[in-house]
Protein backbone atom coordinates (compact mmCIF):
# COMPACT_ATOMS: atom_id res chain seq x y z
CA MET A 1 6.60 -37.59 -19.03
CA LYS A 2 4.46 -34.69 -20.21
CA GLU A 3 5.83 -31.26 -19.29
CA GLN A 4 3.74 -29.36 -16.72
CA LEU A 5 2.57 -26.13 -18.33
CA ASN A 6 2.07 -22.97 -16.26
CA VAL A 7 -1.43 -22.20 -17.56
CA PHE A 8 -4.04 -20.33 -15.52
CA ASP A 9 -7.77 -19.90 -16.06
CA ASN A 10 -7.62 -16.12 -15.42
CA VAL A 11 -5.42 -13.43 -13.85
CA LEU A 12 -7.05 -13.81 -10.43
CA GLN A 13 -5.25 -17.13 -9.94
CA LEU A 14 -1.98 -15.18 -9.87
CA ILE A 15 -2.89 -13.23 -6.72
CA GLY A 16 -0.63 -13.91 -3.74
CA ASN A 17 2.50 -15.99 -3.22
CA THR A 18 4.65 -12.96 -4.01
CA PRO A 19 8.42 -13.32 -3.65
CA LEU A 20 10.61 -12.33 -0.74
CA ILE A 21 13.73 -10.69 -2.20
CA LYS A 22 16.89 -9.89 -0.25
CA LEU A 23 17.97 -6.26 -0.26
CA ASN A 24 21.71 -6.04 -0.83
CA LYS A 25 23.35 -2.75 -1.82
CA ILE A 26 20.93 -0.28 -0.28
CA THR A 27 21.10 -1.98 3.14
CA GLN A 28 24.77 -2.99 3.07
CA ASP A 29 25.62 -0.71 6.02
CA PHE A 30 22.59 -1.78 8.07
CA PRO A 31 23.01 -4.43 10.81
CA GLY A 32 21.11 -7.66 10.17
CA GLU A 33 19.32 -9.00 7.08
CA TYR A 34 16.62 -7.13 5.13
CA LEU A 35 14.07 -8.82 2.88
CA ALA A 36 11.45 -7.14 0.70
CA LYS A 37 8.01 -8.68 0.24
CA VAL A 38 7.46 -7.41 -3.31
CA GLU A 39 3.71 -7.08 -3.84
CA ALA A 40 4.16 -5.68 -7.36
CA PHE A 41 4.29 -9.33 -8.47
CA ASN A 42 0.53 -9.53 -7.99
CA PRO A 43 -1.32 -9.22 -11.35
CA GLY A 44 -2.67 -5.79 -10.40
CA HIS A 45 0.83 -4.78 -9.23
CA SER A 46 -0.10 -4.17 -5.57
CA SER A 47 -1.02 -5.80 -2.27
CA LYS A 48 -4.59 -4.57 -2.77
CA ASP A 49 -5.30 -7.47 -5.14
CA ARG A 50 -5.49 -9.65 -2.03
CA ILE A 51 -8.30 -7.68 -0.36
CA ALA A 52 -10.27 -7.03 -3.55
CA TYR A 53 -10.41 -10.74 -4.36
CA HIS A 54 -11.09 -11.83 -0.76
CA ILE A 55 -13.85 -9.28 -0.07
CA LEU A 56 -15.68 -9.88 -3.36
CA GLN A 57 -15.33 -13.65 -3.04
CA ASN A 58 -16.85 -13.43 0.44
CA ALA A 59 -19.73 -11.28 -0.85
CA GLU A 60 -20.47 -13.91 -3.52
CA GLU A 61 -20.44 -16.71 -0.95
CA GLN A 62 -22.86 -14.69 1.23
CA GLY A 63 -25.19 -14.25 -1.75
CA ILE A 64 -24.78 -10.46 -1.65
CA LEU A 65 -23.36 -10.18 -5.18
CA LYS A 66 -24.62 -11.43 -8.51
CA PRO A 67 -23.31 -10.80 -12.07
CA GLY A 68 -24.19 -7.32 -13.29
CA ASP A 69 -24.14 -5.74 -9.82
CA THR A 70 -22.00 -2.69 -9.07
CA ILE A 71 -18.97 -2.44 -6.78
CA ILE A 72 -18.36 0.97 -5.19
CA GLU A 73 -15.23 1.95 -3.29
CA THR A 74 -13.05 4.79 -2.00
CA THR A 75 -9.44 4.51 -3.12
CA SER A 76 -6.13 6.30 -3.57
CA GLY A 77 -5.73 4.17 -6.70
CA ASN A 78 -4.39 0.70 -5.98
CA THR A 79 -7.50 -0.80 -4.37
CA GLY A 80 -9.55 0.68 -7.19
CA PHE A 81 -7.38 -0.94 -9.84
CA SER A 82 -7.64 -4.30 -8.06
CA ILE A 83 -11.43 -4.04 -7.74
CA ALA A 84 -11.74 -3.03 -11.40
CA MET A 85 -9.62 -6.04 -12.40
CA VAL A 86 -11.65 -8.49 -10.30
CA SER A 87 -14.90 -6.90 -11.54
CA ILE A 88 -13.92 -7.44 -15.18
CA VAL A 89 -13.22 -11.13 -14.62
CA LYS A 90 -16.32 -11.73 -12.48
CA GLY A 91 -18.76 -9.58 -14.46
CA TYR A 92 -19.45 -6.61 -12.17
CA ASN A 93 -19.64 -2.87 -12.78
CA CYS A 94 -17.19 -0.68 -10.90
CA ILE A 95 -17.57 2.89 -9.59
CA LEU A 96 -14.67 4.50 -7.72
CA ALA A 97 -14.38 7.66 -5.60
CA VAL A 98 -10.72 8.61 -5.94
CA SER A 99 -8.61 11.10 -3.98
CA SER A 100 -7.32 14.00 -6.08
CA LYS A 101 -3.92 13.28 -4.50
CA SER A 102 -3.73 10.10 -6.60
CA SER A 103 -1.31 10.28 -9.50
CA LYS A 104 -2.65 10.92 -12.99
CA ASP A 105 -1.15 7.53 -13.91
CA LYS A 106 -3.39 5.77 -11.38
CA ILE A 107 -6.53 7.64 -12.45
CA ASP A 108 -5.86 6.94 -16.14
CA ALA A 109 -5.29 3.26 -15.32
CA LEU A 110 -8.64 3.03 -13.49
CA ARG A 111 -10.52 4.47 -16.46
CA SER A 112 -8.60 2.15 -18.81
CA MET A 113 -9.94 -0.77 -16.76
CA GLY A 114 -13.51 0.35 -17.40
CA ALA A 115 -14.20 1.93 -14.02
CA GLU A 116 -16.42 4.98 -13.59
CA VAL A 117 -14.14 7.39 -11.71
CA HIS A 118 -15.17 10.32 -9.50
CA VAL A 119 -12.15 12.44 -8.48
CA CYS A 120 -12.68 14.05 -5.06
CA PRO A 121 -10.63 16.76 -3.28
CA ALA A 122 -7.98 15.23 -1.03
CA HIS A 123 -7.53 17.96 1.54
CA VAL A 124 -11.00 18.10 3.08
CA SER A 125 -12.24 16.52 6.30
CA ALA A 126 -13.55 12.95 6.19
CA ASP A 127 -17.11 14.11 6.91
CA ASP A 128 -17.09 16.79 4.19
CA PRO A 129 -19.68 15.83 1.52
CA ARG A 130 -16.97 16.30 -1.12
CA SER A 131 -14.59 13.78 0.50
CA TYR A 132 -14.15 10.47 -1.24
CA TYR A 133 -15.64 8.69 1.77
CA GLN A 134 -18.89 10.67 1.56
CA VAL A 135 -19.05 10.59 -2.26
CA ALA A 136 -18.77 6.79 -2.22
CA LYS A 137 -21.56 6.53 0.37
CA ARG A 138 -23.79 8.79 -1.74
CA LEU A 139 -23.08 6.83 -4.92
CA HIS A 140 -23.94 3.60 -3.09
CA GLU A 141 -27.27 5.06 -1.93
CA GLU A 142 -28.07 6.24 -5.46
CA THR A 143 -27.07 3.03 -7.28
CA PRO A 144 -29.46 0.04 -7.15
CA GLY A 145 -27.77 -3.36 -6.91
CA SER A 146 -24.53 -1.95 -5.50
CA ILE A 147 -22.28 -2.82 -2.58
CA TYR A 148 -19.82 -0.47 -0.90
CA ILE A 149 -16.53 -2.20 -0.04
CA ASN A 150 -15.56 0.43 2.59
CA GLN A 151 -12.01 -0.93 3.02
CA TYR A 152 -11.19 1.42 5.93
CA PHE A 153 -13.89 -0.15 8.10
CA ASN A 154 -14.09 -3.68 6.69
CA GLN A 155 -12.65 -6.48 8.84
CA LEU A 156 -12.23 -8.62 5.73
CA ASN A 157 -9.41 -6.22 4.80
CA ILE A 158 -7.50 -7.56 7.81
CA ASP A 159 -8.64 -11.14 7.21
CA ALA A 160 -7.26 -11.20 3.65
CA HIS A 161 -3.73 -10.57 4.91
CA TYR A 162 -4.15 -12.83 7.95
CA ARG A 163 -4.96 -15.68 5.56
CA THR A 164 -2.30 -14.96 2.91
CA THR A 165 0.46 -12.40 3.52
CA GLY A 166 1.22 -13.49 7.09
CA PRO A 167 1.50 -17.23 6.35
CA GLU A 168 3.58 -16.55 3.22
CA ILE A 169 6.14 -14.46 5.15
CA TRP A 170 6.30 -17.00 8.00
CA LYS A 171 6.96 -19.81 5.54
CA GLN A 172 9.41 -17.83 3.40
CA THR A 173 11.56 -16.88 6.42
CA GLU A 174 11.22 -20.37 7.93
CA GLY A 175 9.85 -18.67 11.04
CA LYS A 176 13.03 -16.64 11.56
CA ILE A 177 11.55 -13.18 10.99
CA THR A 178 12.29 -10.79 13.91
CA HIS A 179 10.70 -7.57 12.61
CA LEU A 180 7.93 -6.69 10.16
CA VAL A 181 7.91 -3.19 8.65
CA ALA A 182 4.81 -2.06 6.75
CA CYS A 183 3.12 1.18 5.82
CA SER A 184 -0.27 1.83 7.39
CA GLY A 185 -3.13 3.44 5.48
CA THR A 186 -6.33 1.47 5.89
CA GLY A 187 -4.24 -0.72 8.19
CA GLY A 188 -5.38 -4.01 6.69
CA THR A 189 -1.97 -5.13 5.45
CA ILE A 190 -0.02 -4.50 8.63
CA SER A 191 -2.83 -5.67 10.95
CA GLY A 192 -3.67 -8.95 9.24
CA THR A 193 -0.04 -9.88 8.64
CA ALA A 194 0.89 -8.96 12.20
CA ARG A 195 -1.96 -10.95 13.75
CA PHE A 196 -0.77 -14.12 12.06
CA LEU A 197 2.92 -13.56 12.81
CA LYS A 198 2.29 -12.68 16.47
CA GLU A 199 0.30 -15.91 16.86
CA GLN A 200 3.35 -17.84 15.67
CA ASN A 201 5.86 -15.82 17.72
CA PRO A 202 4.69 -12.97 19.99
CA ASN A 203 8.27 -11.62 20.14
CA ILE A 204 8.18 -10.47 16.51
CA LYS A 205 8.20 -6.67 16.45
CA ILE A 206 5.60 -4.98 14.23
CA LEU A 207 6.73 -1.56 13.03
CA GLY A 208 4.25 0.68 11.22
CA ILE A 209 5.15 3.55 8.92
CA ASP A 210 3.07 6.71 9.11
CA ALA A 211 3.28 10.07 7.31
CA TYR A 212 3.78 13.55 8.69
CA GLY A 213 0.31 15.09 8.40
CA SER A 214 -1.41 11.87 9.54
CA VAL A 215 -3.01 11.02 12.90
CA LEU A 216 -2.09 7.33 13.23
CA LYS A 217 1.17 7.48 15.23
CA LYS A 218 -0.17 9.79 17.93
CA TYR A 219 -3.43 7.83 18.17
CA HIS A 220 -1.43 4.61 18.67
CA GLU A 221 0.56 6.20 21.49
CA THR A 222 -2.18 8.18 23.27
CA GLN A 223 -5.52 6.76 22.07
CA GLU A 224 -6.44 10.36 21.22
CA PHE A 225 -7.49 11.67 17.81
CA ASP A 226 -5.67 14.97 17.32
CA SER A 227 -7.00 16.96 14.35
CA ASN A 228 -4.12 19.42 14.82
CA GLU A 229 -1.84 16.72 13.43
CA ILE A 230 -3.60 16.83 10.06
CA TYR A 231 -2.10 18.77 7.18
CA PRO A 232 -1.64 18.08 3.45
CA TYR A 233 1.09 15.64 2.42
CA ARG A 234 2.01 14.01 -0.88
CA ILE A 235 2.51 10.29 -0.21
CA GLU A 236 -0.44 8.23 -1.47
CA GLY A 237 -1.90 5.25 0.36
CA LEU A 238 -0.13 6.01 3.64
CA GLY A 239 -1.44 7.65 6.80
CA LYS A 240 -4.97 8.88 7.50
CA ASN A 241 -7.08 11.85 8.63
CA LEU A 242 -9.42 9.46 10.47
CA ILE A 243 -9.04 6.27 12.51
CA PRO A 244 -9.84 3.17 10.39
CA THR A 245 -11.32 0.21 12.24
CA ALA A 246 -9.37 -1.95 9.78
CA THR A 247 -6.29 -1.03 11.82
CA ASP A 248 -5.63 -3.28 14.83
CA PHE A 249 -3.44 -0.97 16.91
CA ASP A 250 -2.95 -3.67 19.56
CA VAL A 251 -0.73 -5.79 17.30
CA ILE A 252 1.48 -2.87 16.23
CA ASP A 253 4.46 -2.18 18.51
CA GLN A 254 5.58 1.17 17.14
CA PHE A 255 4.97 3.77 14.45
CA GLU A 256 7.65 5.76 12.65
CA LYS A 257 6.80 8.90 10.68
CA VAL A 258 8.50 9.68 7.36
CA SER A 259 8.51 12.75 5.13
CA ASP A 260 7.34 13.14 1.54
CA GLU A 261 10.77 14.15 0.31
CA ASP A 262 12.80 11.41 2.02
CA SER A 263 10.34 8.74 0.87
CA ALA A 264 10.46 9.92 -2.75
CA HIS A 265 14.24 9.85 -2.85
CA MET A 266 14.34 6.43 -1.17
CA ALA A 267 12.02 4.94 -3.80
CA ARG A 268 14.30 6.26 -6.54
CA ARG A 269 17.35 4.84 -4.73
CA ILE A 270 15.71 1.40 -4.49
CA ALA A 271 15.26 1.44 -8.26
CA ARG A 272 18.85 2.51 -8.89
CA THR A 273 20.52 0.14 -6.42
CA GLU A 274 18.33 -2.98 -6.29
CA GLY A 275 16.68 -2.89 -9.74
CA MET A 276 13.22 -2.93 -8.15
CA PHE A 277 10.89 -0.34 -9.67
CA VAL A 278 8.71 0.30 -6.63
CA GLY A 279 6.05 2.81 -5.60
CA TYR A 280 6.05 5.82 -3.28
CA THR A 281 4.94 3.85 -0.22
CA SER A 282 7.72 1.32 -0.76
CA GLY A 283 10.17 4.19 -0.52
CA ALA A 284 8.39 5.31 2.65
CA ALA A 285 8.71 1.82 4.16
CA LEU A 286 12.46 1.62 3.60
CA GLN A 287 12.95 5.23 4.70
CA GLY A 288 11.32 4.22 7.97
CA VAL A 289 13.76 1.31 8.24
CA LYS A 290 16.69 3.69 7.66
CA GLN A 291 15.49 5.99 10.42
CA MET A 292 15.06 3.05 12.80
CA VAL A 293 18.56 1.80 11.93
CA GLU A 294 19.91 5.24 12.81
CA ALA A 295 18.03 5.01 16.12
CA GLY A 296 19.75 1.68 16.87
CA GLN A 297 16.65 -0.52 16.73
CA PHE A 298 18.21 -3.45 14.83
CA ASP A 299 21.29 -5.60 15.43
CA LYS A 300 23.29 -8.25 13.59
CA ASN A 301 20.70 -10.92 14.47
CA SER A 302 17.74 -8.99 13.06
CA LYS A 303 15.82 -10.52 10.17
CA VAL A 304 13.65 -7.68 8.91
CA VAL A 305 10.86 -8.11 6.36
CA VAL A 306 9.74 -4.89 4.65
CA ILE A 307 6.52 -4.90 2.64
CA PHE A 308 6.88 -3.08 -0.69
CA PRO A 309 3.17 -2.62 -1.49
CA ASP A 310 3.13 -1.52 -5.12
CA HIS A 311 4.86 -0.83 -8.44
CA GLY A 312 6.56 2.32 -9.70
CA ARG A 313 4.51 2.45 -12.91
CA ALA A 314 1.76 4.27 -11.00
CA TYR A 315 4.10 7.16 -10.17
CA MET A 316 5.66 8.10 -13.50
CA SER A 317 4.11 11.57 -13.32
CA LYS A 318 5.20 12.00 -9.71
CA ILE A 319 8.31 10.67 -7.97
CA TYR A 320 9.85 9.30 -11.18
CA SER A 321 9.34 12.62 -12.97
CA ASP A 322 12.29 14.98 -12.53
CA ASP A 323 9.98 17.89 -13.34
CA TRP A 324 7.58 16.92 -10.52
CA MET A 325 10.47 16.45 -8.10
CA ARG A 326 11.80 19.92 -8.97
CA ASP A 327 8.33 21.45 -8.62
CA GLN A 328 8.04 20.01 -5.08
CA GLY A 329 11.46 21.40 -4.16
CA PHE A 330 12.79 17.87 -3.66
CA PHE A 331 16.01 18.56 -5.57
CA ASP A 332 16.93 21.60 -3.47
CA SER A 333 18.90 19.82 -0.75
CA GLU A 334 22.66 19.93 -1.13
CA ASP A 335 23.05 16.30 -0.13
CA VAL A 336 20.67 15.03 -2.82
CA GLU A 337 22.06 13.98 -6.19
CA GLN A 338 20.80 16.24 -8.96
CA PRO A 339 19.39 14.69 -12.16
CA LYS A 340 21.89 14.87 -15.03
CA GLU A 341 21.13 15.88 -18.59
CA ILE A 342 23.29 13.75 -20.93
CA ASP A 343 23.66 14.22 -24.68
CA TYR A 344 25.37 11.30 -26.38
CA ILE A 345 25.24 12.83 -29.87
CA LYS A 346 28.63 14.27 -30.86
């Protein structure tokens, strides 16, 4: 019998079907079972591969896109990388308006993938003409034969995860999942996954992770947009200074806010204890779990799935740089292990 070879026509065929990996050491004192949905196994190393492929595929089917056209998008880095990757395979040009908060690693990666990159100031209002939202709109207006993905207000963002991430988690847990924990930025990942899971079992709790400096948690609880909540923070791809329509607040049961410092340290701990080299938002997701454990929200029967959205390679100049951590004051706390300088040469 001829051996079945694992050969694919292109990298896009590797999107999705990411593994669910049990967390062991880092959650050993937590009640229940904790499983990580590790999206770094996508070819573009993040969950954003799913929406880039789904949205562009849909545009092709609608006759909106043809080879040689230009894709324009706002991004903190991961969506941009995914769009650039899909554009290369499918024959499109790619222009990206990127937040200046994005790591140098992400911006360099986007340019390496052939994208035209416009770096925009992060700490301005969404309607400021310098914001990456407004820059992307302007670039779309100025570029013939272009489409603007607009992930924050695109329902296909939700649909991509409803069709893929949700069913994968339901199947991988054999329907035994009790809680889903996911960071919320555009809201597509948590909303689409939650919609599917709630349809299977409405008792599943959907727990969103927000950042201090973001408006999402308060909006979820009060339906009020409070601009006084907005201030600069360091975590990329998490939280917002506007309300994305790609967030379905009705399927989210609760939000938990996490800090820049705690999330950075948690990401580094995941790498050291579980051998998973994950991104900043993955640290934020598990930090949120830790805080909810401390608040008594889980018990021995809990089966908690935590989405780890991206890979640590995009944060080498940030959370995995001891110099950056020192510059942020993240090594000042007495209860935080200090980095050690070791010289093995005698």
